[in-house]
Protein backbone atom coordinates (compact mmCIF):
# COMPACT_ATOMS: atom_id res chain seq x y z
CA MET A 1 156.18 280.52 130.42
CA THR A 2 154.02 277.47 131.11
CA ALA A 3 154.68 274.19 129.41
CA GLU A 4 151.89 272.87 127.23
CA THR A 5 150.38 269.58 128.31
CA SER A 6 149.27 267.26 125.56
CA SER A 7 146.18 265.11 125.90
CA PRO A 8 146.84 261.37 126.14
CA ALA A 9 146.27 259.43 122.95
CA PRO A 10 142.84 257.80 122.77
CA GLU A 11 142.91 254.11 123.64
CA LEU A 12 140.53 253.24 120.80
CA LEU A 13 140.99 254.78 117.36
CA SER A 14 138.06 255.01 114.96
CA ARG A 15 137.81 255.89 111.30
CA GLN A 16 135.16 255.27 108.67
CA GLN A 17 135.86 254.84 104.98
CA ASP A 18 133.74 253.50 102.12
CA GLY A 19 131.11 252.08 104.45
CA VAL A 20 133.63 250.31 106.69
CA LEU A 21 134.24 251.36 110.31
CA TRP A 22 137.81 250.59 111.41
CA LEU A 23 138.35 250.27 115.17
CA THR A 24 141.92 249.99 116.49
CA ILE A 25 142.87 249.25 120.09
CA ASN A 26 145.60 251.85 120.58
CA ARG A 27 147.65 250.49 123.49
CA GLU A 28 150.64 249.10 121.61
CA ALA A 29 153.02 249.51 124.57
CA ARG A 30 150.66 247.31 126.64
CA ARG A 31 150.22 244.76 123.82
CA ASN A 32 146.78 246.31 123.20
CA ALA A 33 145.51 244.94 126.49
CA ILE A 34 141.90 245.65 127.41
CA SER A 35 141.23 248.64 129.66
CA PRO A 36 138.00 250.23 130.92
CA ALA A 37 138.41 252.93 128.26
CA VAL A 38 138.81 250.31 125.52
CA MET A 39 135.69 248.45 126.66
CA ALA A 40 133.64 251.64 126.92
CA GLY A 41 134.89 252.86 123.54
CA LEU A 42 134.08 249.57 121.84
CA ALA A 43 130.59 249.44 123.36
CA GLU A 44 129.85 252.98 122.22
CA ALA A 45 131.30 252.52 118.72
CA LEU A 46 129.53 249.20 118.09
CA THR A 47 126.19 250.51 119.33
CA ARG A 48 126.48 253.60 117.14
CA ALA A 49 127.54 251.60 114.07
CA ASN A 50 124.68 249.15 114.47
CA ALA A 51 122.21 252.03 114.16
CA ASP A 52 123.95 253.59 111.13
CA ARG A 53 122.76 252.19 107.80
CA GLY A 54 125.83 253.74 106.19
CA VAL A 55 128.10 251.27 107.99
CA ARG A 56 128.29 248.04 106.03
CA ALA A 57 131.09 246.37 108.03
CA ILE A 58 133.23 246.88 111.13
CA VAL A 59 136.89 245.83 111.33
CA LEU A 60 138.49 245.40 114.76
CA THR A 61 142.28 245.29 115.14
CA GLY A 62 145.19 246.30 117.36
CA ALA A 63 147.87 248.94 116.87
CA GLY A 64 151.24 247.82 115.48
CA ASP A 65 152.07 244.31 114.34
CA LYS A 66 152.91 242.53 117.61
CA ALA A 67 149.51 242.06 119.23
CA PHE A 68 145.84 242.05 118.33
CA CYS A 69 144.94 242.04 122.03
CA ALA A 70 146.75 240.42 124.95
CA GLY A 71 143.61 240.29 127.09
CA ALA A 72 143.35 241.87 130.53
CA ASP A 73 146.11 244.27 131.59
CA LEU A 74 147.66 242.24 134.41
CA GLN A 75 150.10 245.03 135.27
CA THR A 76 147.29 247.05 136.84
CA GLY A 77 146.63 244.41 139.49
CA GLN A 78 142.92 245.17 139.07
CA SER A 79 142.06 242.85 136.19
CA PHE A 80 140.10 240.30 138.20
CA LYS A 81 138.62 242.64 140.79
CA PHE A 82 134.94 243.36 140.24
CA ASP A 83 132.06 245.11 141.92
CA TYR A 84 130.12 242.00 142.94
CA SER A 85 127.05 244.10 143.77
CA GLU A 86 126.62 244.45 139.99
CA PRO A 87 124.90 241.43 138.40
CA THR A 88 126.75 241.92 135.10
CA GLN A 89 130.31 242.95 134.24
CA GLY A 90 131.78 245.20 131.55
CA PHE A 91 133.55 242.60 129.41
CA ALA A 92 130.58 240.22 129.55
CA ASN A 93 128.30 243.08 128.51
CA LEU A 94 130.54 243.78 125.52
CA LEU A 95 130.26 240.13 124.46
CA ARG A 96 126.49 240.34 124.94
CA LEU A 97 126.41 243.43 122.73
CA SER A 98 128.16 241.54 119.94
CA ARG A 99 125.19 239.16 119.82
CA GLN A 100 122.91 242.12 119.05
CA LEU A 101 124.97 243.39 116.12
CA THR A 102 123.54 243.02 112.63
CA VAL A 103 126.54 244.63 110.92
CA PRO A 104 129.31 242.13 110.01
CA LEU A 105 132.19 242.40 112.48
CA VAL A 106 135.61 241.32 111.19
CA ALA A 107 138.69 240.66 113.34
CA ARG A 108 141.98 241.73 111.75
CA VAL A 109 144.34 239.63 113.87
CA ASN A 110 147.69 241.37 113.48
CA GLY A 111 149.61 239.55 116.21
CA ALA A 112 149.17 237.86 119.58
CA CYS A 113 145.53 237.11 120.39
CA MET A 114 145.40 235.97 123.98
CA ALA A 115 142.92 235.51 126.84
CA GLY A 116 140.32 238.29 126.63
CA GLY A 117 141.69 239.06 123.17
CA MET A 118 140.39 235.64 122.15
CA GLY A 119 136.98 236.81 123.36
CA LEU A 120 137.17 239.94 121.20
CA MET A 121 138.22 237.85 118.19
CA ALA A 122 135.55 235.19 118.81
CA MET A 123 132.76 237.75 119.19
CA CYS A 124 133.51 238.82 115.60
CA ASP A 125 131.62 237.17 112.74
CA LEU A 126 134.74 236.69 110.61
CA ALA A 127 138.49 236.73 111.23
CA VAL A 128 141.62 237.17 109.12
CA ALA A 129 145.03 236.50 110.70
CA ALA A 130 148.61 237.40 109.87
CA PRO A 131 150.95 234.37 109.56
CA HIS A 132 152.84 235.35 112.73
CA ALA A 133 149.67 235.65 114.85
CA GLN A 134 149.35 233.36 117.85
CA PHE A 135 146.22 232.37 119.73
CA GLY A 136 145.91 231.20 123.30
CA LEU A 137 144.05 231.05 126.59
CA PRO A 138 146.88 231.36 129.14
CA GLU A 139 144.65 232.13 132.16
CA VAL A 140 145.56 228.89 133.97
CA LYS A 141 149.16 230.12 134.08
CA VAL A 142 148.08 232.92 136.44
CA GLY A 143 145.60 230.85 138.42
CA VAL A 144 142.32 231.78 136.74
CA PHE A 145 140.23 230.46 133.86
CA PRO A 146 138.81 231.94 130.60
CA ALA A 147 135.26 231.85 131.96
CA GLN A 148 133.60 234.68 130.01
CA VAL A 149 135.56 233.91 126.84
CA LEU A 150 134.14 230.37 126.84
CA ALA A 151 130.68 231.81 126.13
CA VAL A 152 131.77 233.01 122.68
CA LEU A 153 134.36 230.28 121.92
CA ASN A 154 132.03 227.42 122.80
CA GLY A 155 130.66 226.07 119.51
CA LEU A 156 133.15 228.04 117.42
CA ILE A 157 135.68 225.20 117.63
CA GLY A 158 135.38 221.59 118.75
CA PRO A 159 135.23 220.70 122.45
CA ARG A 160 138.48 218.70 122.43
CA ALA A 161 140.48 221.59 120.99
CA LEU A 162 138.80 224.10 123.29
CA THR A 163 139.53 221.99 126.37
CA GLU A 164 143.18 221.69 125.39
CA LEU A 165 143.51 225.44 124.93
CA CYS A 166 141.84 226.10 128.30
CA ILE A 167 143.65 223.62 130.53
CA THR A 168 147.14 223.77 129.02
CA GLY A 169 147.26 227.53 128.50
CA GLU A 170 149.61 226.93 125.56
CA PRO A 171 149.32 228.98 122.35
CA ILE A 172 148.68 227.77 118.82
CA THR A 173 149.85 229.18 115.49
CA ALA A 174 147.76 230.99 112.90
CA GLN A 175 147.79 227.89 110.68
CA GLU A 176 146.59 225.73 113.56
CA ALA A 177 143.85 228.28 114.26
CA LEU A 178 142.83 228.10 110.61
CA ALA A 179 142.67 224.29 110.72
CA LEU A 180 140.43 224.48 113.82
CA GLY A 181 138.08 226.98 112.16
CA LEU A 182 139.02 229.72 114.61
CA VAL A 183 139.79 232.10 111.70
CA ASN A 184 138.55 232.28 108.13
CA ARG A 185 141.91 232.77 106.49
CA VAL A 186 145.59 233.48 107.06
CA SER A 187 146.99 236.15 104.77
CA GLU A 188 150.64 237.06 104.14
CA ASP A 189 149.41 240.57 103.29
CA LEU A 190 146.98 241.12 106.14
CA ASP A 191 145.36 244.28 104.79
CA ALA A 192 144.90 242.71 101.36
CA GLY A 193 143.37 239.65 103.02
CA VAL A 194 140.90 241.77 104.99
CA GLN A 195 139.98 243.80 101.91
CA ALA A 196 139.46 240.63 99.87
CA LEU A 197 137.10 239.26 102.50
CA LEU A 198 135.20 242.56 102.74
CA ALA A 199 134.84 242.65 98.96
CA ARG A 200 133.12 239.27 99.02
CA PHE A 201 130.12 240.61 100.95
CA LEU A 202 130.05 244.41 100.56
CA ASP A 203 128.47 243.99 97.11
CA LYS A 204 125.67 241.81 98.52
CA SER A 205 122.28 242.87 99.87
CA PRO A 206 122.64 244.94 103.06
CA ALA A 207 119.08 244.03 104.08
CA ALA A 208 119.65 240.30 103.61
CA ILE A 209 122.90 240.43 105.61
CA ARG A 210 121.30 242.50 108.40
CA ARG A 211 118.32 240.19 108.75
CA GLY A 212 120.52 237.15 108.18
CA LEU A 213 122.87 237.94 111.05
CA TYR A 214 119.84 238.57 113.26
CA LEU A 215 118.56 235.10 112.35
CA MET A 216 121.91 233.31 112.72
CA LYS A 217 122.68 234.76 116.15
CA ARG A 218 119.36 233.57 117.54
CA LEU A 219 119.23 230.09 116.04
CA GLY A 220 122.32 228.98 117.95
CA ALA A 221 120.53 229.13 121.31
CA MET A 222 117.47 227.17 120.16
CA SER A 223 116.61 223.50 119.92
CA PHE A 224 116.14 222.05 116.43
CA GLU A 225 112.34 222.40 116.45
CA GLU A 226 112.50 225.91 117.92
CA SER A 227 115.05 226.95 115.30
CA MET A 228 112.96 225.53 112.46
CA ALA A 229 109.84 227.32 113.69
CA PHE A 230 111.75 230.60 114.02
CA ALA A 231 113.30 230.17 110.56
CA GLU A 232 109.84 229.52 109.10
CA SER A 233 108.62 232.79 110.59
CA GLN A 234 111.62 234.70 109.21
CA ILE A 235 111.87 233.50 105.61
CA GLY A 236 108.78 235.38 104.50
CA LEU A 237 110.14 238.59 105.99
CA PHE A 238 113.32 238.32 103.90
CA ALA A 239 111.13 238.15 100.78
CA LEU A 240 109.22 241.30 101.77
CA THR A 241 112.28 243.59 101.65
CA GLU A 242 113.02 245.99 98.81
CA ASP A 243 116.38 244.27 98.34
CA ALA A 244 114.67 240.93 97.76
CA ALA A 245 112.46 242.41 95.05
CA GLU A 246 115.42 244.17 93.45
CA GLY A 247 117.70 241.13 93.65
CA GLN A 248 115.19 238.86 91.94
CA ALA A 249 114.37 241.48 89.30
CA ALA A 250 118.08 241.95 88.58
CA PHE A 251 118.49 238.17 88.24
CA ARG A 252 115.65 237.97 85.72
CA GLU A 253 116.92 241.01 83.81
CA LYS A 254 120.54 239.79 83.88
CA ARG A 255 121.90 242.98 85.44
CA LYS A 256 123.74 244.01 88.59
CA PRO A 257 121.34 244.75 91.47
CA GLN A 258 121.09 248.26 92.90
CA TRP A 259 120.59 247.67 96.61
CA SER A 260 118.60 250.13 98.71
CA GLY A 261 119.43 248.27 101.90
CA ARG A 262 115.75 248.20 102.84
């Protein structure tokens, strides 16, 4: 009689409910550290969700309540070994992909958010943290530096705070992260906090949010005059959507808008 072999648990869990795609890094024993399978799963899931008009928001979290993501899995000994014949790398490509998303991406920070985990959190548009969550860039403690993570953290918080995080490697609390603007809110009941934040935009125009995120993610790389010219070219397009017509009609008629998302 042969023993049955069970398939290993997937390293990224995915479920969709009420227009929200929930993605959970499922490596609790490794503090939800990033692996090739996690990166590939995230890239695939985010790309698919961005093309699905039925997805109104994406929530990214980690399994359990100890860690959101501890960054690279240092136990493998392969974390900082790359194929240098490739001009781009997997984690950097994931961060690049986040800049193409027009579906709101929310980080549910359920515990330690460290190193590359800070990159995953920072690539999200919004973040809600549990009170016990900690945030840090400890790379200098192992002789490296949060190089790729800087690309998404730069501009999210002030340069003084970012420099301190980078060169000390010391963590900060959830309340300190809130004061720096690293997260939107700290919630005693994390799930309730995430749902409350989702509720604040899921009833708004899907078309306006989609086009709005497209606009916001491009303005940041432009000079003032370039950003104004681009914004001028975009504002008329917002007004041409079905949602814009419906939203203004609903305002005049004093009723709740019925969004088509187009």
